[in-house]
Amino acid sequence: MSVRNALVLFLALSTLSLLVACSSNSTAPAQPPPNGSFSNSNLSGTYVFSVSGTDANSVPFAIVGTFTANGKGGSGGITGGTVDIVDPEYTSVFGASINNDGQYRVGVDGRGQMTIGMANNPFPSNMTFDFVLQNSSHGLITQFDGNASGSGTLDVQTSGLTQSSIAGPFAFSFSGTDGNGNPLATVGAFTLDQTGNITASSGAEDFNDANVATSFSNAALTGGVALGPSGTPATVLSSALGSLTFDVYAIDSTRLKFIETDGIEFLSGSAYSQTSATVPTGTLAFTLSGFLPFAGASSVPFAAGGFMVTDGSGGITAASSEDYNNAGTTSPNPFPFSGSYSNASSIIPGRFTLNFADTFIGGSATPQYAAYPSSGGLLLLEIDNAGILTGAAYGPQSSTSFTPPQGYGLNLTGDNLTNGVEVDDIAEFSTTATTCNSSSATFCGLVDENFDPGGSPITPPQVFDGTFGAIDATGRYGLATTATNNTLNGGVGLTFYSVDGTTFPFIEFDNSGQVATGVLVLQNSADPSVAAAKSSMFTPRPLVRSHGALRKQK
């Protein structure tokens, strides 16, 4: 059996309510990571959070907001905040206040839950979110209730931010659906002056609307960014697709969260400072997700990941390698690809096109991507009219290690084609085997899973035991569980890629009828600077189709 086949997972991905997981009735109690224990005090301050996914009727939705945690947890642990919710099924709300009686708990493993309410909540019930902390500053989050299922991030907010705080160059990546429910994604860049206006000749943008991209490529971008949150959002970005209005939440002066509020399209995403207008040189870990055509018919979910090696002179070398998951069928082995990159914009210096040879798997025989460098990664969008894939490349790689004993947080999000629903998972596991249920396991932990329709968290607790190992010397790894569980998919397989030894983007890789992407992050409860080297990285979310039944490829 090959190393890759031996590492195909049947991960015990499931839900575990923290209050249950920490009780004496749990057969798999939460274990603290080797580098410290978490508690309620690790969630203290004001945080910006974002979640996108599908609601109980499989309609795409997005949430961006803030919440304030008092470090004590329990009822009244959430003392306020502001939230925007956009869902075509419900009345959208902007700048709405969160009640001051929300509650949360954080367990020793960094996994936790919070419940928040609001007077004008468009959903039928209060919202519950499941999360895992990387440290006190950053975490991964899912919606974990019957209203919807979605994934995102939470980050502590810098205090005292003003409009002038966000002056400077940014690159961005947004995704969602157009007004007809088709998948829509965009990447671009702009430079803001002290009052939030996009400076002359500094903005460019690329769109891909349901595989149509060339009509919207390298378009001039104008407008301005008004720092929110606001009940009457005033950020307007104008380009080839028209003028779109957004509300904007700042995490700090280098990271912004956007959510579209005009009902024309339904986009949300992130912007990051553009500290360099060049493509990084070296080995870049990357992941992509979206849809590719299948047999000339409707598009099917697709995910890819691997390492892209750039030479600093416009070349993508043959040392690059790719894995893919095409509608639940995976590539047999990592395979090499090559290509080139160039600044092909007449508008700004910080936009590039990547042109791949036919060995790079995509919708086109010669795939082409728009690429915008940023502090969150090299933001990518397919623009060849033969598919719609979005993602990012991170690096240059500074470490290929995935070394025990450590504790890791995990977020997985994607499409379960067998059941035609979105699946979202939060997990924590430790790579020390001393507390595992099985003597053969080399990692163990707990996982929470939610999926729509109906927002259906699976009854906890669930065990997360298995083995991991290197697939090759480039920093490519796999995980395998020692037991299945009663999650929707009965477990999954992951191939993940080291960026710096603390951050590992991944794709699902198990031929099980599920297509997903996500990220693993090294935890440290005591020192945020130790484990947060790439906490600001952009994490792409799978694209969705409104009311679109996902069917497994035959």
Protein backbone atom coordinates (compact mmCIF):
# COMPACT_ATOMS: atom_id res chain seq x y z
CA MET A 1 0.00 0.00 0.00
CA SER A 2 1.33 3.48 -0.87
CA VAL A 3 2.06 6.03 1.85
CA ARG A 4 -0.78 8.17 0.56
CA ASN A 5 -3.31 5.36 0.59
CA ALA A 6 -2.23 4.38 4.07
CA LEU A 7 -2.95 7.92 5.23
CA VAL A 8 -6.53 8.13 3.96
CA LEU A 9 -8.62 9.14 6.95
CA PHE A 10 -11.81 8.17 8.49
CA LEU A 11 -11.67 11.12 10.88
CA ALA A 12 -14.09 11.16 13.72
CA LEU A 13 -15.46 14.55 12.82
CA SER A 14 -18.50 15.36 14.90
CA THR A 15 -20.00 17.77 17.31
CA LEU A 16 -19.22 18.09 20.96
CA SER A 17 -20.97 20.62 23.07
CA LEU A 18 -18.36 21.89 25.45
CA LEU A 19 -20.61 21.69 28.45
CA VAL A 20 -21.16 17.99 27.70
CA ALA A 21 -17.55 17.32 26.78
CA CYS A 22 -16.34 18.53 30.14
CA SER A 23 -18.86 16.54 32.13
CA SER A 24 -18.27 13.23 33.88
CA ASN A 25 -20.55 11.52 31.36
CA SER A 26 -18.15 12.10 28.47
CA THR A 27 -16.29 8.99 27.35
CA ALA A 28 -13.61 11.20 25.75
CA PRO A 29 -12.83 14.17 28.00
CA ALA A 30 -11.16 17.20 26.47
CA GLN A 31 -7.38 17.20 26.85
CA PRO A 32 -5.29 20.36 27.13
CA PRO A 33 -2.60 20.87 24.47
CA PRO A 34 0.95 20.08 25.65
CA ASN A 35 1.87 23.78 25.62
CA GLY A 36 -0.76 24.91 28.14
CA SER A 37 -4.42 24.77 29.13
CA PHE A 38 -7.14 27.12 27.94
CA SER A 39 -9.87 28.68 30.09
CA ASN A 40 -12.57 31.36 29.85
CA SER A 41 -9.91 34.00 30.47
CA ASN A 42 -8.42 33.26 27.04
CA LEU A 43 -11.50 34.85 25.45
CA SER A 44 -11.40 38.40 26.79
CA GLY A 45 -11.89 41.67 24.93
CA THR A 46 -13.58 42.70 21.71
CA TYR A 47 -13.36 40.32 18.76
CA VAL A 48 -14.25 40.62 15.09
CA PHE A 49 -15.87 37.44 13.77
CA SER A 50 -17.16 36.31 10.40
CA VAL A 51 -19.08 33.24 9.25
CA SER A 52 -20.41 32.28 5.82
CA GLY A 53 -22.23 29.17 4.67
CA THR A 54 -25.80 28.01 4.01
CA ASP A 55 -28.94 28.39 6.07
CA ALA A 56 -31.56 25.76 6.93
CA ASN A 57 -32.99 26.04 3.40
CA SER A 58 -29.58 25.71 1.71
CA VAL A 59 -29.50 29.41 0.87
CA PRO A 60 -26.11 31.15 1.18
CA PHE A 61 -25.73 33.59 4.08
CA ALA A 62 -22.97 35.69 5.65
CA ILE A 63 -22.40 37.19 9.10
CA VAL A 64 -19.77 39.75 10.11
CA GLY A 65 -19.72 41.36 13.53
CA THR A 66 -18.06 42.06 16.83
CA PHE A 67 -18.65 40.69 20.31
CA THR A 68 -17.19 41.66 23.66
CA ALA A 69 -16.25 38.85 26.08
CA ASN A 70 -15.57 39.56 29.75
CA GLY A 71 -13.07 36.74 30.30
CA LYS A 72 -15.37 35.00 32.78
CA GLY A 73 -17.77 33.12 30.54
CA GLY A 74 -21.16 31.88 31.65
CA SER A 75 -24.40 33.80 31.33
CA GLY A 76 -23.56 37.45 30.80
CA GLY A 77 -20.09 36.60 29.57
CA ILE A 78 -20.89 38.29 26.25
CA THR A 79 -21.51 41.92 27.19
CA GLY A 80 -22.39 43.38 23.80
CA GLY A 81 -21.37 43.77 20.20
CA THR A 82 -22.61 44.63 16.71
CA VAL A 83 -23.52 42.32 13.85
CA ASP A 84 -24.50 42.36 10.16
CA ILE A 85 -26.45 39.39 8.76
CA VAL A 86 -27.16 38.97 5.04
CA ASP A 87 -29.43 36.11 3.97
CA PRO A 88 -31.79 36.29 0.97
CA GLU A 89 -34.29 34.14 2.92
CA TYR A 90 -34.61 36.64 5.78
CA THR A 91 -34.63 40.38 6.40
CA SER A 92 -31.00 41.46 6.51
CA VAL A 93 -29.76 43.54 9.44
CA PHE A 94 -26.83 45.97 9.56
CA GLY A 95 -25.14 47.43 12.61
CA ALA A 96 -27.54 45.58 14.92
CA SER A 97 -26.73 45.45 18.63
CA ILE A 98 -26.02 42.15 20.37
CA ASN A 99 -27.71 41.67 23.74
CA ASN A 100 -25.52 41.95 26.83
CA ASP A 101 -26.64 38.60 28.27
CA GLY A 102 -24.90 36.18 25.90
CA GLN A 103 -22.88 33.31 27.30
CA TYR A 104 -19.78 31.28 26.45
CA ARG A 105 -17.47 28.58 27.75
CA VAL A 106 -13.87 27.73 26.83
CA GLY A 107 -12.52 24.27 27.69
CA VAL A 108 -8.97 23.22 28.49
CA ASP A 109 -8.43 22.19 24.86
CA GLY A 110 -9.40 25.62 23.47
CA ARG A 111 -12.74 24.42 22.12
CA GLY A 112 -15.74 26.45 23.16
CA GLN A 113 -19.23 27.66 22.41
CA MET A 114 -21.00 31.00 22.66
CA THR A 115 -24.64 31.94 22.28
CA ILE A 116 -25.72 35.46 21.39
CA GLY A 117 -29.12 37.07 20.99
CA MET A 118 -30.37 40.30 19.44
CA ALA A 119 -33.68 42.13 19.46
CA ASN A 120 -34.09 42.04 15.66
CA ASN A 121 -32.54 38.65 14.97
CA PRO A 122 -33.65 37.55 11.47
CA PHE A 123 -33.11 33.89 12.33
CA PRO A 124 -35.81 31.92 14.19
CA SER A 125 -33.66 31.48 17.31
CA ASN A 126 -30.57 32.82 19.06
CA MET A 127 -27.28 32.07 17.32
CA THR A 128 -24.81 29.56 18.74
CA PHE A 129 -21.20 29.43 17.54
CA ASP A 130 -18.65 26.70 18.06
CA PHE A 131 -14.97 27.65 18.06
CA VAL A 132 -11.43 26.54 18.76
CA LEU A 133 -8.83 29.05 19.94
CA GLN A 134 -5.32 29.13 18.56
CA ASN A 135 -4.48 31.59 21.35
CA SER A 136 -6.15 34.57 23.02
CA SER A 137 -6.00 36.56 19.79
CA HIS A 138 -7.20 34.20 17.07
CA GLY A 139 -9.64 31.33 16.61
CA LEU A 140 -11.59 29.29 14.06
CA ILE A 141 -15.39 29.33 14.28
CA THR A 142 -18.54 27.66 12.91
CA GLN A 143 -22.23 28.35 13.28
CA PHE A 144 -23.52 25.53 15.45
CA ASP A 145 -27.30 25.73 15.64
CA GLY A 146 -30.48 24.92 13.72
CA ASN A 147 -30.45 28.25 11.85
CA ALA A 148 -27.53 27.56 9.54
CA SER A 149 -24.13 25.94 9.10
CA GLY A 150 -21.06 27.98 8.18
CA SER A 151 -17.39 28.62 8.95
CA GLY A 152 -15.09 31.55 9.59
CA THR A 153 -12.65 33.15 12.00
CA LEU A 154 -12.54 35.30 15.13
CA ASP A 155 -9.77 37.83 15.92
CA VAL A 156 -9.19 40.24 18.79
CA GLN A 157 -9.80 43.82 17.67
CA THR A 158 -7.26 46.58 18.16
CA SER A 159 -8.78 49.40 20.19
CA GLY A 160 -8.87 53.03 19.07
CA LEU A 161 -9.11 52.38 15.33
CA THR A 162 -10.15 55.40 13.24
CA GLN A 163 -10.71 56.05 9.54
CA SER A 164 -7.12 57.25 9.15
CA SER A 165 -5.87 54.03 10.80
CA ILE A 166 -6.64 52.08 7.63
CA ALA A 167 -4.97 54.42 5.14
CA GLY A 168 -2.67 52.58 2.74
CA PRO A 169 -2.67 49.77 0.15
CA PHE A 170 -4.87 46.65 0.51
CA ALA A 171 -5.66 43.52 -1.49
CA PHE A 172 -8.96 41.70 -1.03
CA SER A 173 -10.87 38.50 -1.79
CA PHE A 174 -14.67 38.27 -1.58
CA SER A 175 -17.01 35.42 -2.50
CA GLY A 176 -20.71 34.56 -2.43
CA THR A 177 -23.46 34.51 -5.04
CA ASP A 178 -24.86 36.85 -7.66
CA GLY A 179 -28.49 37.97 -7.72
CA ASN A 180 -29.50 34.73 -9.45
CA GLY A 181 -27.87 32.44 -6.88
CA ASN A 182 -24.83 31.60 -9.05
CA PRO A 183 -21.37 31.41 -7.45
CA LEU A 184 -19.52 34.74 -7.63
CA ALA A 185 -16.00 35.64 -6.51
CA THR A 186 -13.72 38.64 -6.83
CA VAL A 187 -10.16 39.67 -5.99
CA GLY A 188 -8.60 43.11 -6.25
CA ALA A 189 -6.56 45.87 -4.68
CA PHE A 190 -6.84 49.55 -3.77
CA THR A 191 -5.01 52.26 -1.83
CA LEU A 192 -6.93 54.39 0.69
CA ASP A 193 -6.14 57.97 1.64
CA GLN A 194 -6.60 59.37 5.15
CA THR A 195 -10.33 59.93 4.59
CA GLY A 196 -11.02 56.50 3.05
CA ASN A 197 -11.11 57.44 -0.63
CA ILE A 198 -9.49 55.10 -3.13
CA THR A 199 -6.65 57.15 -4.55
CA ALA A 200 -6.44 57.86 -8.27
CA SER A 201 -5.27 54.92 -10.45
CA SER A 202 -4.72 52.69 -7.39
CA GLY A 203 -7.68 50.29 -7.71
CA ALA A 204 -8.07 47.16 -9.85
CA GLU A 205 -10.45 44.21 -9.60
CA ASP A 206 -11.22 40.83 -11.22
CA PHE A 207 -14.59 39.04 -11.07
CA ASN A 208 -15.66 35.51 -11.90
CA ASP A 209 -19.43 35.12 -12.13
CA ALA A 210 -20.40 31.47 -12.69
CA ASN A 211 -17.34 30.74 -14.92
CA VAL A 212 -17.55 34.08 -16.77
CA ALA A 213 -14.44 36.11 -16.00
CA THR A 214 -12.76 37.67 -19.03
CA SER A 215 -15.40 40.40 -19.32
CA PHE A 216 -14.59 41.49 -15.77
CA SER A 217 -10.79 41.09 -15.69
CA ASN A 218 -8.30 43.78 -14.73
CA ALA A 219 -11.04 46.37 -14.32
CA ALA A 220 -10.46 49.80 -12.83
CA LEU A 221 -11.81 50.13 -9.28
CA THR A 222 -12.95 53.41 -7.71
CA GLY A 223 -14.91 54.48 -4.64
CA GLY A 224 -14.06 54.52 -0.98
CA VAL A 225 -14.08 52.59 2.30
CA ALA A 226 -16.02 54.00 5.25
CA LEU A 227 -15.03 52.29 8.48
CA GLY A 228 -18.06 50.64 10.12
CA PRO A 229 -20.03 49.06 11.56
CA SER A 230 -23.00 51.17 10.54
CA GLY A 231 -26.75 50.80 10.27
CA THR A 232 -26.41 52.68 6.97
CA PRO A 233 -23.22 51.26 5.41
CA ALA A 234 -21.37 53.71 3.17
CA THR A 235 -18.48 51.78 1.61
CA VAL A 236 -18.96 51.79 -2.17
CA LEU A 237 -16.69 49.91 -4.58
CA SER A 238 -17.33 50.62 -8.27
CA SER A 239 -15.90 48.58 -11.14
CA ALA A 240 -16.98 46.53 -14.17
CA LEU A 241 -19.78 44.79 -12.22
CA GLY A 242 -21.27 48.10 -11.07
CA SER A 243 -21.31 49.91 -7.72
CA LEU A 244 -21.62 47.65 -4.67
CA THR A 245 -22.15 48.77 -1.07
CA PHE A 246 -20.47 47.12 1.94
CA ASP A 247 -20.19 47.43 5.69
CA VAL A 248 -16.59 47.19 6.90
CA TYR A 249 -15.20 45.95 10.23
CA ALA A 250 -11.51 46.52 11.03
CA ILE A 251 -9.58 43.91 13.04
CA ASP A 252 -6.53 46.18 13.05
CA SER A 253 -4.92 48.62 10.62
CA THR A 254 -3.92 45.76 8.28
CA ARG A 255 -7.02 43.49 8.25
CA LEU A 256 -10.59 44.37 7.26
CA LYS A 257 -13.80 42.33 7.00
CA PHE A 258 -16.35 43.23 4.29
CA ILE A 259 -20.00 42.24 3.89
CA GLU A 260 -22.17 43.44 1.00
CA THR A 261 -25.36 45.17 2.08
CA ASP A 262 -27.15 46.32 -1.09
CA GLY A 263 -28.88 43.06 -2.12
CA ILE A 264 -27.49 43.35 -5.67
CA GLU A 265 -24.95 40.58 -5.16
CA PHE A 266 -24.21 38.69 -1.92
CA LEU A 267 -20.49 38.94 -1.18
CA SER A 268 -18.34 38.85 1.94
CA GLY A 269 -14.64 38.45 2.60
CA SER A 270 -11.42 40.02 3.78
CA ALA A 271 -8.90 42.68 2.82
CA TYR A 272 -5.25 42.63 3.89
CA SER A 273 -2.50 45.21 3.71
CA GLN A 274 -0.52 44.93 0.49
CA THR A 275 2.95 45.26 1.98
CA SER A 276 4.62 44.15 -1.26
CA ALA A 277 3.58 44.46 -4.89
CA THR A 278 5.57 41.39 -5.98
CA VAL A 279 4.91 37.66 -6.02
CA PRO A 280 6.90 35.97 -3.21
CA THR A 281 9.91 33.92 -4.28
CA GLY A 282 10.24 30.33 -3.07
CA THR A 283 7.87 27.54 -2.08
CA LEU A 284 4.27 28.66 -1.57
CA ALA A 285 1.67 26.32 -0.05
CA PHE A 286 -1.71 26.83 -1.71
CA THR A 287 -5.33 25.67 -1.61
CA LEU A 288 -8.16 26.36 -4.07
CA SER A 289 -11.87 25.55 -3.98
CA GLY A 290 -14.91 26.16 -6.15
CA PHE A 291 -16.58 24.54 -9.14
CA LEU A 292 -15.37 23.02 -12.40
CA PRO A 293 -17.50 21.82 -15.34
CA PHE A 294 -18.12 18.07 -15.52
CA ALA A 295 -18.63 16.31 -18.87
CA GLY A 296 -19.92 19.51 -20.43
CA ALA A 297 -22.81 19.64 -17.96
CA SER A 298 -23.32 21.47 -14.70
CA SER A 299 -20.33 22.31 -12.53
CA VAL A 300 -19.23 20.11 -9.65
CA PRO A 301 -17.32 20.97 -6.43
CA PHE A 302 -13.54 20.89 -6.76
CA ALA A 303 -10.62 21.48 -4.39
CA ALA A 304 -6.87 21.53 -4.99
CA GLY A 305 -3.79 22.03 -2.86
CA GLY A 306 -0.04 21.69 -2.98
CA PHE A 307 3.14 23.70 -3.37
CA MET A 308 3.82 26.32 -6.03
CA VAL A 309 7.55 27.11 -6.43
CA THR A 310 8.39 30.54 -7.88
CA ASP A 311 11.87 31.54 -9.09
CA GLY A 312 11.65 35.31 -8.64
CA SER A 313 12.00 35.86 -12.38
CA GLY A 314 8.49 35.13 -13.62
CA GLY A 315 8.75 31.35 -13.58
CA ILE A 316 6.73 28.70 -11.74
CA THR A 317 9.15 25.78 -11.73
CA ALA A 318 8.55 22.07 -12.33
CA ALA A 319 9.33 21.48 -8.63
CA SER A 320 5.71 22.56 -8.02
CA SER A 321 3.20 19.80 -7.18
CA GLU A 322 -0.57 19.52 -6.84
CA ASP A 323 -3.25 17.29 -5.29
CA TYR A 324 -6.94 17.58 -6.14
CA ASN A 325 -10.39 16.38 -5.15
CA ASN A 326 -12.81 16.50 -8.09
CA ALA A 327 -16.38 15.85 -6.90
CA GLY A 328 -15.12 13.30 -4.36
CA THR A 329 -12.54 11.61 -6.62
CA THR A 330 -8.95 12.40 -5.72
CA SER A 331 -5.71 12.46 -7.69
CA PRO A 332 -3.69 9.24 -7.27
CA ASN A 333 -0.42 10.98 -6.34
CA PRO A 334 1.03 14.48 -6.11
CA PHE A 335 1.97 15.45 -9.64
CA PRO A 336 4.26 18.20 -10.94
CA PHE A 337 3.19 21.33 -12.80
CA SER A 338 4.85 24.48 -14.08
CA GLY A 339 3.94 27.89 -15.45
CA SER A 340 4.77 31.57 -15.39
CA TYR A 341 3.63 34.80 -13.76
CA SER A 342 3.77 38.42 -14.81
CA ASN A 343 2.46 41.83 -13.89
CA ALA A 344 -0.15 42.19 -16.61
CA SER A 345 -2.04 45.19 -15.29
CA SER A 346 -1.99 48.57 -16.93
CA ILE A 347 -3.67 49.95 -13.81
CA ILE A 348 -1.62 49.00 -10.73
CA PRO A 349 1.70 47.22 -10.07
CA GLY A 350 0.21 44.82 -7.47
CA ARG A 351 -1.83 42.64 -9.85
CA PHE A 352 -0.39 39.55 -11.57
CA THR A 353 -1.59 36.81 -13.86
CA LEU A 354 -0.50 33.21 -13.35
CA ASN A 355 -0.42 31.06 -16.50
CA PHE A 356 -0.10 27.31 -15.95
CA ALA A 357 0.87 24.52 -18.32
CA ASP A 358 -1.69 21.79 -19.00
CA THR A 359 -0.28 19.67 -16.16
CA PHE A 360 -2.05 21.96 -13.69
CA ILE A 361 -5.55 20.58 -13.17
CA GLY A 362 -8.31 23.13 -13.73
CA GLY A 363 -11.22 23.80 -16.00
CA SER A 364 -9.05 25.02 -18.87
CA ALA A 365 -6.29 23.29 -20.84
CA THR A 366 -4.19 26.35 -19.99
CA PRO A 367 -5.48 27.61 -16.62
CA GLN A 368 -5.09 31.30 -15.82
CA TYR A 369 -5.47 33.09 -12.48
CA ALA A 370 -5.45 36.66 -11.26
CA ALA A 371 -3.12 37.04 -8.27
CA TYR A 372 -2.83 39.88 -5.76
CA PRO A 373 -0.01 39.81 -3.14
CA SER A 374 -1.07 40.66 0.42
CA SER A 375 -0.07 40.15 4.05
CA GLY A 376 -2.76 37.42 4.15
CA GLY A 377 -1.27 35.51 1.22
CA LEU A 378 -1.21 35.64 -2.56
CA LEU A 379 -4.95 35.97 -3.27
CA LEU A 380 -6.04 33.90 -6.30
CA LEU A 381 -9.03 33.76 -8.66
CA GLU A 382 -9.51 31.67 -11.81
CA ILE A 383 -10.14 33.95 -14.82
CA ASP A 384 -10.03 31.58 -17.85
CA ASN A 385 -13.83 31.15 -18.27
CA ALA A 386 -13.54 27.39 -17.68
CA GLY A 387 -14.39 27.17 -13.98
CA ILE A 388 -14.61 29.27 -10.84
CA LEU A 389 -11.90 28.56 -8.27
CA THR A 390 -10.72 30.91 -5.55
CA GLY A 391 -8.02 30.55 -2.90
CA ALA A 392 -4.60 31.70 -1.80
CA ALA A 393 -0.92 30.76 -1.72
CA TYR A 394 1.15 31.33 1.42
CA GLY A 395 4.84 31.72 1.95
CA PRO A 396 7.62 31.56 1.17
CA GLN A 397 7.71 28.38 3.22
CA SER A 398 9.88 28.70 6.32
CA SER A 399 9.37 25.22 7.82
CA THR A 400 8.30 21.78 6.62
CA SER A 401 7.71 20.42 10.12
CA PHE A 402 4.65 19.01 11.83
CA THR A 403 6.30 17.93 15.06
CA PRO A 404 4.83 16.35 18.24
CA PRO A 405 4.03 16.89 21.01
CA GLN A 406 1.75 19.80 20.09
CA GLY A 407 -1.91 20.84 20.21
CA TYR A 408 -3.74 21.91 17.04
CA GLY A 409 -7.05 23.56 16.18
CA LEU A 410 -8.85 22.61 12.97
CA ASN A 411 -11.65 24.04 10.82
CA LEU A 412 -13.06 22.07 7.88
CA THR A 413 -15.79 23.31 5.54
CA GLY A 414 -17.12 21.89 2.30
CA ASP A 415 -19.76 19.97 0.38
CA ASN A 416 -21.07 16.53 1.26
CA LEU A 417 -22.18 15.38 -2.18
CA THR A 418 -23.83 12.17 -0.96
CA ASN A 419 -26.38 14.15 1.06
CA GLY A 420 -26.26 17.39 -0.92
CA VAL A 421 -25.41 19.62 2.07
CA GLU A 422 -22.67 21.83 3.44
CA VAL A 423 -20.60 20.42 6.31
CA ASP A 424 -18.64 22.48 8.87
CA ASP A 425 -16.32 21.09 11.54
CA ILE A 426 -14.32 22.40 14.49
CA ALA A 427 -11.72 20.16 16.12
CA GLU A 428 -8.86 20.16 18.59
CA PHE A 429 -6.30 17.40 18.84
CA SER A 430 -2.98 16.70 20.46
CA THR A 431 -0.07 14.89 18.82
CA THR A 432 0.89 13.23 22.07
CA ALA A 433 -0.46 9.70 22.36
CA THR A 434 -0.37 9.32 26.15
CA THR A 435 -4.08 10.13 26.56
CA CYS A 436 -5.47 8.51 23.41
CA ASN A 437 -8.10 5.78 23.54
CA SER A 438 -6.13 3.52 21.22
CA SER A 439 -2.55 2.36 21.78
CA SER A 440 -1.88 2.72 18.06
CA ALA A 441 -3.03 6.37 17.85
CA THR A 442 -0.51 9.18 17.51
CA PHE A 443 -3.03 12.01 17.81
CA CYS A 444 -6.29 12.33 19.74
CA GLY A 445 -8.91 14.94 20.46
CA LEU A 446 -12.55 15.91 19.93
CA VAL A 447 -14.55 17.26 17.00
CA ASP A 448 -17.84 19.14 16.54
CA GLU A 449 -19.84 18.92 13.31
CA ASN A 450 -22.81 20.84 11.94
CA PHE A 451 -24.50 20.59 8.56
CA ASP A 452 -27.53 22.01 6.80
CA PRO A 453 -30.40 21.73 6.04
CA GLY A 454 -31.84 22.40 9.42
CA GLY A 455 -28.49 23.09 11.01
CA SER A 456 -28.02 19.62 12.43
CA PRO A 457 -25.25 19.33 15.03
CA ILE A 458 -24.49 15.65 15.60
CA THR A 459 -24.91 14.46 19.18
CA PRO A 460 -21.62 14.59 21.12
CA PRO A 461 -19.23 13.37 22.30
CA GLN A 462 -17.08 12.15 19.39
CA VAL A 463 -13.58 10.72 19.56
CA PHE A 464 -10.79 11.99 17.31
CA ASP A 465 -7.98 9.40 17.47
CA GLY A 466 -5.64 8.35 14.70
CA THR A 467 -2.23 8.57 13.11
CA PHE A 468 -0.38 11.15 11.04
CA GLY A 469 2.75 11.12 8.95
CA ALA A 470 4.78 12.82 6.25
CA ILE A 471 3.84 12.02 2.66
CA ASP A 472 6.99 13.57 1.19
CA ALA A 473 9.89 15.85 2.15
CA THR A 474 8.26 19.05 0.91
CA GLY A 475 6.04 19.55 3.96
CA ARG A 476 3.06 17.52 2.72
CA TYR A 477 1.35 15.46 5.46
CA GLY A 478 -1.66 13.19 5.94
CA LEU A 479 -3.83 12.09 8.87
CA ALA A 480 -5.62 8.78 9.44
CA THR A 481 -8.01 7.83 12.23
CA THR A 482 -8.11 4.51 14.02
CA ALA A 483 -11.93 4.47 14.30
CA THR A 484 -14.95 5.87 12.52
CA ASN A 485 -17.85 7.67 14.17
CA ASN A 486 -21.40 8.74 13.48
CA THR A 487 -20.62 11.98 11.67
CA LEU A 488 -22.42 12.64 8.41
CA ASN A 489 -19.55 11.29 6.33
CA GLY A 490 -18.30 8.70 8.83
CA GLY A 491 -14.88 10.35 8.79
CA VAL A 492 -12.67 12.15 6.29
CA GLY A 493 -9.10 12.11 4.97
CA LEU A 494 -6.86 15.18 4.89
CA THR A 495 -3.71 16.17 3.05
CA PHE A 496 -2.17 19.30 4.54
CA TYR A 497 0.73 21.58 3.70
CA SER A 498 3.21 23.29 6.02
CA VAL A 499 3.68 27.04 5.64
CA ASP A 500 5.77 27.85 8.69
CA GLY A 501 5.35 24.96 11.15
CA THR A 502 2.34 26.68 12.76
CA THR A 503 -0.15 26.95 9.89
CA PHE A 504 -1.25 24.10 7.61
CA PRO A 505 -3.92 24.66 4.92
CA PHE A 506 -5.48 21.38 3.74
CA ILE A 507 -7.86 19.69 1.33
CA GLU A 508 -10.02 16.65 1.99
CA PHE A 509 -8.50 13.62 0.29
CA ASP A 510 -10.44 10.40 0.81
CA ASN A 511 -12.67 9.50 -2.20
CA SER A 512 -15.70 9.50 0.11
CA GLY A 513 -18.07 11.82 -1.70
CA GLN A 514 -17.11 14.94 0.23
CA VAL A 515 -15.10 17.96 -1.03
CA ALA A 516 -13.70 20.25 1.65
CA THR A 517 -10.85 22.58 2.53
CA GLY A 518 -9.64 24.08 5.78
CA VAL A 519 -6.70 24.91 8.02
CA LEU A 520 -4.82 23.48 11.00
CA VAL A 521 -3.20 25.93 13.44
CA LEU A 522 -0.69 25.31 16.22
CA GLN A 523 -2.14 26.25 19.62
CA ASN A 524 -0.51 28.11 22.49
CA SER A 525 -2.73 29.32 25.31
CA ALA A 526 0.00 31.27 27.12
CA ASP A 527 1.83 33.27 24.44
CA PRO A 528 -0.02 34.53 21.35
CA SER A 529 3.26 35.46 19.63
CA VAL A 530 4.46 31.83 19.62
CA ALA A 531 1.65 30.31 17.59
CA ALA A 532 0.27 33.26 15.64
CA ALA A 533 2.86 33.66 12.88
CA LYS A 534 0.19 33.21 10.21
CA SER A 535 -3.01 33.88 12.14
CA SER A 536 -3.72 36.73 9.73
CA MET A 537 -3.67 34.46 6.67
CA PHE A 538 -6.66 34.49 4.37
CA THR A 539 -8.72 31.30 4.69
CA PRO A 540 -10.76 30.68 1.53
CA ARG A 541 -14.30 29.34 1.91
CA PRO A 542 -15.92 26.93 -0.56
CA LEU A 543 -18.21 28.61 -3.05
CA VAL A 544 -21.91 27.77 -2.86
CA ARG A 545 -24.93 27.81 -5.15
CA SER A 546 -28.27 29.05 -3.91
CA HIS A 547 -30.82 26.22 -3.65
CA GLY A 548 -28.48 24.10 -5.72
CA ALA A 549 -28.74 20.41 -4.89
CA LEU A 550 -25.24 18.97 -4.84
CA ARG A 551 -25.10 15.56 -6.41
CA LYS A 552 -22.30 13.07 -6.25
CA GLN A 553 -20.46 12.67 -9.54
CA LYS A 554 -21.34 9.38 -11.24
